PDB file of N, CA and C in Angstrom:
ATOM      1  N   MET A   1     117.023 227.977  77.102  1.00  0.00           N
ATOM      2  CA  MET A   1     117.165 228.327  75.497  1.00  0.00           C
ATOM      3  C   MET A   1     115.977 227.759  75.189  1.00  0.00           C
ATOM      4  N   GLY A   2     115.336 225.949  74.906  1.00  0.00           N
ATOM      5  CA  GLY A   2     114.195 225.898  74.742  1.00  0.00           C
ATOM      6  C   GLY A   2     112.399 226.453  75.245  1.00  0.00           C
ATOM      7  N   VAL A   3     112.723 227.664  76.124  1.00  0.00           N
ATOM      8  CA  VAL A   3     111.660 228.169  76.639  1.00  0.00           C
ATOM      9  C   VAL A   3     111.260 228.505  74.753  1.00  0.00           C
ATOM     10  N   TYR A   4     111.973 229.346  73.691  1.00  0.00           N
ATOM     11  CA  TYR A   4     111.843 229.804  72.785  1.00  0.00           C
ATOM     12  C   TYR A   4     111.166 229.189  71.755  1.00  0.00           C
ATOM     13  N   LYS A   5     110.745 228.947  70.872  1.00  0.00           N
ATOM     14  CA  LYS A   5     110.178 228.426  69.797  1.00  0.00           C
ATOM     15  C   LYS A   5     110.223 229.555  68.362  1.00  0.00           C
ATOM     16  N   TYR A   6     109.743 230.654  68.728  1.00  0.00           N
ATOM     17  CA  TYR A   6     109.673 231.766  67.151  1.00  0.00           C
ATOM     18  C   TYR A   6     110.472 232.945  68.000  1.00  0.00           C
ATOM     19  N   ALA A   7     110.212 233.994  67.118  1.00  0.00           N
ATOM     20  CA  ALA A   7     110.931 234.655  66.511  1.00  0.00           C
ATOM     21  C   ALA A   7     110.136 235.714  66.190  1.00  0.00           C
ATOM     22  N   SER A   8     109.909 237.119  65.772  1.00  0.00           N
ATOM     23  CA  SER A   8     110.352 238.414  65.256  1.00  0.00           C
ATOM     24  C   SER A   8     111.013 239.411  65.144  1.00  0.00           C
ATOM     25  N   LEU A   9     111.091 240.186  63.903  1.00  0.00           N
ATOM     26  CA  LEU A   9     111.778 241.211  63.881  1.00  0.00           C
ATOM     27  C   LEU A   9     110.846 242.561  63.032  1.00  0.00           C
ATOM     28  N   ARG A  10     111.684 243.427  63.906  1.00  0.00           N
ATOM     29  CA  ARG A  10     111.346 245.064  63.696  1.00  0.00           C
ATOM     30  C   ARG A  10     111.909 246.007  63.785  1.00  0.00           C
ATOM     31  N   PRO A  11     111.920 247.158  63.174  1.00  0.00           N
ATOM     32  CA  PRO A  11     112.316 248.480  63.918  1.00  0.00           C
ATOM     33  C   PRO A  11     112.005 248.409  64.905  1.00  0.00           C
ATOM     34  N   SER A  12     112.764 249.137  65.740  1.00  0.00           N
ATOM     35  CA  SER A  12     112.426 249.389  67.076  1.00  0.00           C
ATOM     36  C   SER A  12     111.723 251.088  66.843  1.00  0.00           C
ATOM     37  N   GLN A  13     111.198 251.513  67.754  1.00  0.00           N
ATOM     38  CA  GLN A  13     111.024 252.618  68.364  1.00  0.00           C
ATOM     39  C   GLN A  13     111.526 252.795  69.485  1.00  0.00           C
ATOM     40  N   ALA A  14     111.901 252.683  70.566  1.00  0.00           N
ATOM     41  CA  ALA A  14     113.038 252.914  71.212  1.00  0.00           C
ATOM     42  C   ALA A  14     113.912 253.846  71.042  1.00  0.00           C
ATOM     43  N   LYS A  15     114.687 254.459  71.965  1.00  0.00           N
ATOM     44  CA  LYS A  15     115.428 255.689  71.844  1.00  0.00           C
ATOM     45  C   LYS A  15     116.963 254.804  71.017  1.00  0.00           C
ATOM     46  N   ASN A  16     117.010 255.294  70.358  1.00  0.00           N
ATOM     47  CA  ASN A  16     118.730 254.828  69.893  1.00  0.00           C
ATOM     48  C   ASN A  16     118.937 253.395  69.573  1.00  0.00           C
ATOM     49  N   LYS A  17     117.523 253.216  69.219  1.00  0.00           N
ATOM     50  CA  LYS A  17     117.810 251.839  68.698  1.00  0.00           C
ATOM     51  C   LYS A  17     117.753 251.040  67.989  1.00  0.00           C
ATOM     52  N   LYS A  18     118.148 249.960  66.863  1.00  0.00           N
ATOM     53  CA  LYS A  18     117.828 250.090  65.462  1.00  0.00           C
ATOM     54  C   LYS A  18     116.846 249.026  64.650  1.00  0.00           C
ATOM     55  N   TRP A  19     116.634 248.156  66.016  1.00  0.00           N
ATOM     56  CA  TRP A  19     116.232 246.811  65.589  1.00  0.00           C
ATOM     57  C   TRP A  19     115.282 246.130  67.164  1.00  0.00           C
ATOM     58  N   GLN A  20     114.242 245.700  67.228  1.00  0.00           N
ATOM     59  CA  GLN A  20     113.160 244.918  68.272  1.00  0.00           C
ATOM     60  C   GLN A  20     113.565 243.435  68.102  1.00  0.00           C
ATOM     61  N   LEU A  21     114.043 243.081  68.684  1.00  0.00           N
ATOM     62  CA  LEU A  21     113.963 241.268  68.374  1.00  0.00           C
ATOM     63  C   LEU A  21     113.078 240.575  69.272  1.00  0.00           C
ATOM     64  N   VAL A  22     111.351 239.628  69.160  1.00  0.00           N
ATOM     65  CA  VAL A  22     110.506 239.461  69.959  1.00  0.00           C
ATOM     66  C   VAL A  22     110.961 237.541  70.201  1.00  0.00           C
ATOM     67  N   LEU A  23     110.221 237.255  71.408  1.00  0.00           N
ATOM     68  CA  LEU A  23     111.254 235.979  71.419  1.00  0.00           C
ATOM     69  C   LEU A  23     109.480 235.278  72.137  1.00  0.00           C
ATOM     70  N   TYR A  24     109.139 234.237  71.059  1.00  0.00           N
ATOM     71  CA  TYR A  24     107.532 233.345  71.780  1.00  0.00           C
ATOM     72  C   TYR A  24     107.887 232.407  72.643  1.00  0.00           C
ATOM     73  N   ASP A  25     106.656 231.914  72.838  1.00  0.00           N
ATOM     74  CA  ASP A  25     107.513 230.284  73.207  1.00  0.00           C
ATOM     75  C   ASP A  25     107.045 229.610  72.652  1.00  0.00           C
ATOM     76  N   LYS A  26     106.186 228.203  72.767  1.00  0.00           N
ATOM     77  CA  LYS A  26     105.742 227.400  71.584  1.00  0.00           C
ATOM     78  C   LYS A  26     104.218 227.480  71.033  1.00  0.00           C
ATOM     79  N   ASP A  27     103.098 227.980  72.242  1.00  0.00           N
ATOM     80  CA  ASP A  27     101.990 227.945  71.937  1.00  0.00           C
ATOM     81  C   ASP A  27     102.291 230.277  71.429  1.00  0.00           C
ATOM     82  N   LYS A  28     103.834 229.818  71.037  1.00  0.00           N
ATOM     83  CA  LYS A  28     103.163 231.839  70.672  1.00  0.00           C
ATOM     84  C   LYS A  28     103.197 232.729  71.769  1.00  0.00           C
ATOM     85  N   GLN A  29     103.085 232.612  73.244  1.00  0.00           N
ATOM     86  CA  GLN A  29     103.310 233.917  73.690  1.00  0.00           C
ATOM     87  C   GLN A  29     104.313 234.605  74.003  1.00  0.00           C
ATOM     88  N   LYS A  30     104.373 235.525  73.705  1.00  0.00           N
ATOM     89  CA  LYS A  30     105.729 237.087  73.901  1.00  0.00           C
ATOM     90  C   LYS A  30     106.305 236.158  75.327  1.00  0.00           C
ATOM     91  N   GLN A  31     107.621 235.923  75.037  1.00  0.00           N
ATOM     92  CA  GLN A  31     108.771 235.712  76.527  1.00  0.00           C
ATOM     93  C   GLN A  31     109.268 236.852  76.956  1.00  0.00           C
ATOM     94  N   LYS A  32     110.056 237.899  75.292  1.00  0.00           N
ATOM     95  CA  LYS A  32     110.945 238.549  75.996  1.00  0.00           C
ATOM     96  C   LYS A  32     111.113 239.495  74.867  1.00  0.00           C
ATOM     97  N   THR A  33     111.208 240.538  74.785  1.00  0.00           N
ATOM     98  CA  THR A  33     111.316 241.770  74.228  1.00  0.00           C
ATOM     99  C   THR A  33     113.122 242.470  74.239  1.00  0.00           C
ATOM    100  N   ILE A  34     113.730 242.365  73.131  1.00  0.00           N
ATOM    101  CA  ILE A  34     115.219 242.631  72.903  1.00  0.00           C
ATOM    102  C   ILE A  34     115.171 244.068  72.259  1.00  0.00           C
ATOM    103  N   GLN A  35     115.336 244.981  72.636  1.00  0.00           N
ATOM    104  CA  GLN A  35     115.964 246.161  72.075  1.00  0.00           C
ATOM    105  C   GLN A  35     117.222 246.315  71.534  1.00  0.00           C
ATOM    106  N   PHE A  36     117.999 245.684  70.790  1.00  0.00           N
ATOM    107  CA  PHE A  36     119.639 246.352  70.208  1.00  0.00           C
ATOM    108  C   PHE A  36     119.598 246.734  68.376  1.00  0.00           C
ATOM    109  N   GLY A  37     120.779 247.376  68.303  1.00  0.00           N
ATOM    110  CA  GLY A  37     121.651 247.628  67.425  1.00  0.00           C
ATOM    111  C   GLY A  37     121.838 248.822  67.973  1.00  0.00           C
ATOM    112  N   ASP A  38     122.785 250.246  67.916  1.00  0.00           N
ATOM    113  CA  ASP A  38     122.578 251.182  68.563  1.00  0.00           C
ATOM    114  C   ASP A  38     122.145 252.225  66.958  1.00  0.00           C
ATOM    115  N   ASN A  39     121.320 253.237  66.445  1.00  0.00           N
ATOM    116  CA  ASN A  39     121.038 253.528  65.793  1.00  0.00           C
ATOM    117  C   ASN A  39     122.617 254.897  64.916  1.00  0.00           C
ATOM    118  N   ARG A  40     123.042 255.168  66.292  1.00  0.00           N
ATOM    119  CA  ARG A  40     124.232 256.572  65.522  1.00  0.00           C
ATOM    120  C   ARG A  40     125.034 255.896  64.943  1.00  0.00           C
ATOM    121  N   TYR A  41     125.273 254.414  64.921  1.00  0.00           N
ATOM    122  CA  TYR A  41     126.859 253.540  64.422  1.00  0.00           C
ATOM    123  C   TYR A  41     125.918 252.866  63.262  1.00  0.00           C
ATOM    124  N   GLU A  42     127.050 252.640  62.287  1.00  0.00           N
ATOM    125  CA  GLU A  42     126.762 251.759  60.797  1.00  0.00           C
ATOM    126  C   GLU A  42     127.155 250.142  61.544  1.00  0.00           C
ATOM    127  N   ASP A  43     126.027 249.673  61.037  1.00  0.00           N
ATOM    128  CA  ASP A  43     126.767 247.626  61.098  1.00  0.00           C
ATOM    129  C   ASP A  43     127.056 247.028  59.857  1.00  0.00           C
ATOM    130  N   PHE A  44     127.537 245.601  60.108  1.00  0.00           N
ATOM    131  CA  PHE A  44     127.636 245.518  58.443  1.00  0.00           C
ATOM    132  C   PHE A  44     126.491 244.898  58.058  1.00  0.00           C
ATOM    133  N   THR A  45     125.517 245.603  57.767  1.00  0.00           N
ATOM    134  CA  THR A  45     124.570 245.548  57.230  1.00  0.00           C
ATOM    135  C   THR A  45     124.410 247.096  56.030  1.00  0.00           C
ATOM    136  N   GLN A  46     125.655 247.681  56.902  1.00  0.00           N
ATOM    137  CA  GLN A  46     124.720 249.140  55.932  1.00  0.00           C
ATOM    138  C   GLN A  46     126.716 248.774  55.557  1.00  0.00           C
ATOM    139  N   THR A  47     127.799 248.898  55.593  1.00  0.00           N
ATOM    140  CA  THR A  47     128.792 249.453  55.740  1.00  0.00           C
ATOM    141  C   THR A  47     129.062 248.048  54.948  1.00  0.00           C
ATOM    142  N   HIS A  48     129.227 246.988  54.584  1.00  0.00           N
ATOM    143  CA  HIS A  48     128.861 244.964  54.088  1.00  0.00           C
ATOM    144  C   HIS A  48     131.069 245.549  53.771  1.00  0.00           C
ATOM    145  N   ASN A  49     131.711 245.955  54.478  1.00  0.00           N
ATOM    146  CA  ASN A  49     132.807 246.137  55.064  1.00  0.00           C
ATOM    147  C   ASN A  49     133.114 244.938  56.720  1.00  0.00           C
ATOM    148  N   ASP A  50     134.250 244.097  55.308  1.00  0.00           N
ATOM    149  CA  ASP A  50     134.763 242.861  56.688  1.00  0.00           C
ATOM    150  C   ASP A  50     135.719 243.225  56.977  1.00  0.00           C
ATOM    151  N   LYS A  51     136.251 244.041  57.084  1.00  0.00           N
ATOM    152  CA  LYS A  51     137.515 244.890  57.773  1.00  0.00           C
ATOM    153  C   LYS A  51     136.585 245.625  59.343  1.00  0.00           C
ATOM    154  N   LEU A  52     135.666 246.281  58.713  1.00  0.00           N
ATOM    155  CA  LEU A  52     134.999 246.798  60.181  1.00  0.00           C
ATOM    156  C   LEU A  52     134.240 245.495  61.002  1.00  0.00           C
ATOM    157  N   LYS A  53     133.586 244.270  60.056  1.00  0.00           N
ATOM    158  CA  LYS A  53     133.160 243.455  60.766  1.00  0.00           C
ATOM    159  C   LYS A  53     134.361 242.440  61.603  1.00  0.00           C
ATOM    160  N   LYS A  54     134.835 241.905  61.317  1.00  0.00           N
ATOM    161  CA  LYS A  54     136.390 241.724  61.877  1.00  0.00           C
ATOM    162  C   LYS A  54     137.069 242.551  63.133  1.00  0.00           C
ATOM    163  N   TYR A  55     137.126 243.493  62.995  1.00  0.00           N
ATOM    164  CA  TYR A  55     137.403 244.700  64.367  1.00  0.00           C
ATOM    165  C   TYR A  55     135.695 244.701  65.343  1.00  0.00           C
ATOM    166  N   TYR A  56     134.671 244.237  65.102  1.00  0.00           N
ATOM    167  CA  TYR A  56     133.817 244.509  65.721  1.00  0.00           C
ATOM    168  C   TYR A  56     133.231 243.371  66.347  1.00  0.00           C
ATOM    169  N   ILE A  57     134.085 242.343  65.834  1.00  0.00           N
ATOM    170  CA  ILE A  57     134.105 241.092  66.542  1.00  0.00           C
ATOM    171  C   ILE A  57     135.368 240.346  67.266  1.00  0.00           C
ATOM    172  N   ALA A  58     135.634 241.321  67.232  1.00  0.00           N
ATOM    173  CA  ALA A  58     137.464 241.629  68.299  1.00  0.00           C
ATOM    174  C   ALA A  58     137.309 241.839  69.447  1.00  0.00           C
ATOM    175  N   ARG A  59     136.277 242.934  68.843  1.00  0.00           N
ATOM    176  CA  ARG A  59     135.978 244.108  70.062  1.00  0.00           C
ATOM    177  C   ARG A  59     135.499 243.592  70.866  1.00  0.00           C
ATOM    178  N   HIS A  60     133.989 242.552  70.441  1.00  0.00           N
ATOM    179  CA  HIS A  60     133.082 242.312  71.523  1.00  0.00           C
ATOM    180  C   HIS A  60     133.096 240.842  71.711  1.00  0.00           C
ATOM    181  N   ASN A  61     134.328 240.657  71.459  1.00  0.00           N
ATOM    182  CA  ASN A  61     134.635 239.152  71.899  1.00  0.00           C
ATOM    183  C   ASN A  61     135.780 238.607  72.791  1.00  0.00           C
ATOM    184  N   ASN A  62     135.290 239.773  73.724  1.00  0.00           N
ATOM    185  CA  ASN A  62     135.826 239.549  75.156  1.00  0.00           C
ATOM    186  C   ASN A  62     135.076 238.605  76.676  1.00  0.00           C
ATOM    187  N   GLY A  63     134.429 238.140  76.514  1.00  0.00           N
ATOM    188  CA  GLY A  63     134.400 236.872  77.320  1.00  0.00           C
ATOM    189  C   GLY A  63     132.518 237.784  78.161  1.00  0.00           C
ATOM    190  N   ARG A  64     132.225 238.939  77.681  1.00  0.00           N
ATOM    191  CA  ARG A  64     131.405 239.500  79.052  1.00  0.00           C
ATOM    192  C   ARG A  64     129.823 239.392  77.830  1.00  0.00           C
ATOM    193  N   GLU A  65     130.590 238.992  76.586  1.00  0.00           N
ATOM    194  CA  GLU A  65     128.781 238.815  75.667  1.00  0.00           C
ATOM    195  C   GLU A  65     128.516 237.455  75.617  1.00  0.00           C
ATOM    196  N   ASN A  66     127.508 236.970  75.661  1.00  0.00           N
ATOM    197  CA  ASN A  66     126.760 235.966  75.597  1.00  0.00           C
ATOM    198  C   ASN A  66     126.659 236.023  73.612  1.00  0.00           C
ATOM    199  N   TRP A  67     127.187 235.093  73.315  1.00  0.00           N
ATOM    200  CA  TRP A  67     126.456 235.104  71.593  1.00  0.00           C
ATOM    201  C   TRP A  67     125.973 233.695  71.483  1.00  0.00           C
ATOM    202  N   SER A  68     126.080 233.034  72.830  1.00  0.00           N
ATOM    203  CA  SER A  68     125.609 231.281  72.375  1.00  0.00           C
ATOM    204  C   SER A  68     124.652 231.181  72.629  1.00  0.00           C
ATOM    205  N   VAL A  69     123.409 232.511  72.926  1.00  0.00           N
ATOM    206  CA  VAL A  69     121.661 232.386  73.553  1.00  0.00           C
ATOM    207  C   VAL A  69     120.876 233.357  72.570  1.00  0.00           C
ATOM    208  N   PRO A  70     120.098 233.165  72.472  1.00  0.00           N
ATOM    209  CA  PRO A  70     119.280 233.414  71.639  1.00  0.00           C
ATOM    210  C   PRO A  70     118.895 235.084  72.304  1.00  0.00           C
ATOM    211  N   ASP A  71     118.372 235.413  73.290  1.00  0.00           N
ATOM    212  CA  ASP A  71     118.152 236.223  74.469  1.00  0.00           C
ATOM    213  C   ASP A  71     118.690 237.055  74.797  1.00  0.00           C
ATOM    214  N   THR A  72     119.748 237.808  74.297  1.00  0.00           N
ATOM    215  CA  THR A  72     120.760 238.865  74.635  1.00  0.00           C
ATOM    216  C   THR A  72     121.050 239.888  73.018  1.00  0.00           C
ATOM    217  N   ALA A  73     121.148 241.097  73.473  1.00  0.00           N
ATOM    218  CA  ALA A  73     121.213 242.361  73.175  1.00  0.00           C
ATOM    219  C   ALA A  73     122.651 241.764  72.285  1.00  0.00           C
ATOM    220  N   ALA A  74     123.269 241.584  72.691  1.00  0.00           N
ATOM    221  CA  ALA A  74     124.459 240.957  72.405  1.00  0.00           C
ATOM    222  C   ALA A  74     124.908 239.721  71.381  1.00  0.00           C
ATOM    223  N   SER A  75     124.228 238.649  71.296  1.00  0.00           N
ATOM    224  CA  SER A  75     123.557 237.385  70.317  1.00  0.00           C
ATOM    225  C   SER A  75     122.846 238.247  69.213  1.00  0.00           C
ATOM    226  N   ALA A  76     121.846 239.338  69.413  1.00  0.00           N
ATOM    227  CA  ALA A  76     121.301 239.381  68.896  1.00  0.00           C
ATOM    228  C   ALA A  76     122.077 240.120  68.219  1.00  0.00           C
ATOM    229  N   ALA A  77     122.994 241.346  68.743  1.00  0.00           N
ATOM    230  CA  ALA A  77     123.521 242.258  67.702  1.00  0.00           C
ATOM    231  C   ALA A  77     124.882 241.688  66.765  1.00  0.00           C
ATOM    232  N   ARG A  78     125.594 240.199  67.609  1.00  0.00           N
ATOM    233  CA  ARG A  78     126.389 239.720  67.014  1.00  0.00           C
ATOM    234  C   ARG A  78     126.354 238.804  65.477  1.00  0.00           C
ATOM    235  N   TRP A  79     124.931 238.039  65.242  1.00  0.00           N
ATOM    236  CA  TRP A  79     124.269 237.381  64.874  1.00  0.00           C
ATOM    237  C   TRP A  79     123.568 237.939  63.245  1.00  0.00           C
ATOM    238  N   ILE A  80     122.916 239.066  63.951  1.00  0.00           N
ATOM    239  CA  ILE A  80     121.511 239.270  62.964  1.00  0.00           C
ATOM    240  C   ILE A  80     122.307 240.454  62.010  1.00  0.00           C
ATOM    241  N   LEU A  81     123.313 241.121  63.096  1.00  0.00           N
ATOM    242  CA  LEU A  81     123.647 243.053  61.928  1.00  0.00           C
ATOM    243  C   LEU A  81     125.087 242.326  62.532  1.00  0.00           C
ATOM    244  N   TRP A  82     126.032 242.002  62.528  1.00  0.00           N
ATOM    245  CA  TRP A  82     127.080 241.528  62.440  1.00  0.00           C
ATOM    246  C   TRP A  82     127.755 240.269  61.533  1.00  0.00           C
ATOM    247  N   GLU A  83     126.798 239.185  60.744  1.00  0.00           N
ATOM    248  CA  GLU A  83     126.883 237.799  60.429  1.00  0.00           C
ATOM    249  C   GLU A  83     127.389 237.704  58.757  1.00  0.00           C
ATOM    250  N   HIS A  84     126.097 238.857  58.134  1.00  0.00           N
ATOM    251  CA  HIS A  84     125.597 238.532  56.950  1.00  0.00           C
ATOM    252  C   HIS A  84     125.433 240.483  56.566  1.00  0.00           C
ATOM    253  N   PRO A  85     125.572 240.827  55.938  1.00  0.00           N
ATOM    254  CA  PRO A  85     125.739 241.930  55.083  1.00  0.00           C
ATOM    255  C   PRO A  85     124.120 242.267  53.869  1.00  0.00           C
ATOM    256  N   SER A  86     122.840 241.845  55.042  1.00  0.00           N
ATOM    257  CA  SER A  86     121.782 241.944  54.584  1.00  0.00           C
ATOM    258  C   SER A  86     120.897 241.425  55.862  1.00  0.00           C
ATOM    259  N   ILE A  87     119.877 242.294  56.700  1.00  0.00           N
ATOM    260  CA  ILE A  87     119.677 241.978  56.881  1.00  0.00           C
ATOM    261  C   ILE A  87     118.804 240.538  57.465  1.00  0.00           C
ATOM    262  N   THR A  88     117.631 240.371  56.102  1.00  0.00           N
ATOM    263  CA  THR A  88     117.280 239.314  55.665  1.00  0.00           C
ATOM    264  C   THR A  88     117.951 238.082  56.386  1.00  0.00           C
ATOM    265  N   LYS A  89     119.158 237.789  55.286  1.00  0.00           N
ATOM    266  CA  LYS A  89     120.125 236.514  55.562  1.00  0.00           C
ATOM    267  C   LYS A  89     120.353 236.777  57.208  1.00  0.00           C
ATOM    268  N   GLY A  90     120.572 237.577  58.319  1.00  0.00           N
ATOM    269  CA  GLY A  90     121.021 237.643  59.052  1.00  0.00           C
ATOM    270  C   GLY A  90     120.130 236.937  60.508  1.00  0.00           C
ATOM    271  N   PHE A  91     119.150 237.408  60.295  1.00  0.00           N
ATOM    272  CA  PHE A  91     118.090 237.062  60.814  1.00  0.00           C
ATOM    273  C   PHE A  91     117.549 235.167  60.383  1.00  0.00           C
ATOM    274  N   GLU A  92     117.751 234.897  59.018  1.00  0.00           N
ATOM    275  CA  GLU A  92     117.474 233.744  58.560  1.00  0.00           C
ATOM    276  C   GLU A  92     118.695 232.813  59.422  1.00  0.00           C
ATOM    277  N   HIS A  93     119.790 233.497  59.223  1.00  0.00           N
ATOM    278  CA  HIS A  93     121.056 233.000  59.352  1.00  0.00           C
ATOM    279  C   HIS A  93     120.517 232.733  61.297  1.00  0.00           C
ATOM    280  N   PHE A  94     120.198 234.118  62.402  1.00  0.00           N
ATOM    281  CA  PHE A  94     119.769 233.641  63.631  1.00  0.00           C
ATOM    282  C   PHE A  94     118.612 232.671  64.225  1.00  0.00           C
ATOM    283  N   LEU A  95     117.808 232.686  62.777  1.00  0.00           N
ATOM    284  CA  LEU A  95     116.754 231.515  63.179  1.00  0.00           C
ATOM    285  C   LEU A  95     117.451 230.075  63.607  1.00  0.00           C
ATOM    286  N   ARG A  96     118.092 229.965  62.125  1.00  0.00           N
ATOM    287  CA  ARG A  96     119.348 228.819  62.720  1.00  0.00           C
ATOM    288  C   ARG A  96     119.385 228.005  63.863  1.00  0.00           C
ATOM    289  N   ARG A  97     120.551 228.881  63.430  1.00  0.00           N
ATOM    290  CA  ARG A  97     121.528 228.837  64.966  1.00  0.00           C
ATOM    291  C   ARG A  97     121.167 228.576  66.020  1.00  0.00           C
ATOM    292  N   PHE A  98     119.403 229.441  66.589  1.00  0.00           N
ATOM    293  CA  PHE A  98     119.147 228.807  67.495  1.00  0.00           C
ATOM    294  C   PHE A  98     117.562 227.988  67.589  1.00  0.00           C
ATOM    295  N   HIS A  99     117.171 227.930  66.046  1.00  0.00           N
ATOM    296  CA  HIS A  99     116.020 226.690  65.969  1.00  0.00           C
ATOM    297  C   HIS A  99     114.766 227.623  66.273  1.00  0.00           C
ATOM    298  N   LEU A 100     114.937 228.181  65.584  1.00  0.00           N
ATOM    299  CA  LEU A 100     113.420 229.204  65.739  1.00  0.00           C
ATOM    300  C   LEU A 100     112.742 228.844  64.345  1.00  0.00           C
ATOM    301  N   LYS A 101     111.602 229.365  64.903  1.00  0.00           N
ATOM    302  CA  LYS A 101     110.895 229.990  63.215  1.00  0.00           C
ATOM    303  C   LYS A 101     110.326 231.354  62.959  1.00  0.00           C
ATOM    304  N   ARG A 102     110.207 231.917  62.469  1.00  0.00           N
ATOM    305  CA  ARG A 102     109.611 232.888  62.246  1.00  0.00           C
ATOM    306  C   ARG A 102     108.680 233.594  61.727  1.00  0.00           C
ATOM    307  N   LEU A 103     108.114 234.229  62.940  1.00  0.00           N
ATOM    308  CA  LEU A 103     106.670 234.679  63.149  1.00  0.00           C
ATOM    309  C   LEU A 103     106.228 235.845  63.352  1.00  0.00           C
ATOM    310  N   GLU A 104     105.762 235.853  61.961  1.00  0.00           N
ATOM    311  CA  GLU A 104     105.024 237.563  61.688  1.00  0.00           C
ATOM    312  C   GLU A 104     104.775 238.433  62.220  1.00  0.00           C
TER     313      GLU A 104
END
């Protein structure tokens, strides 16, 4: 996890994906790009429905998804799309959680 120091978030151009997260090293060199969030389904930032958030977390908290590192689609979806009712707040939470700085 220590390799990543910066992150950027923008709408995805990939088929059926909502967002693209790019992780960078201390020299601001791109290290990994993650496409996440299936655009065929709504998430907490769209519904603001606490019950759906609870169901999502229960359904995905099965030991197969790694939410403890910043470089998985599962982690990006969990902390950016399902933690706060806005993308901005979710991304800020993600940055704090993984000790990253925003890179525009």
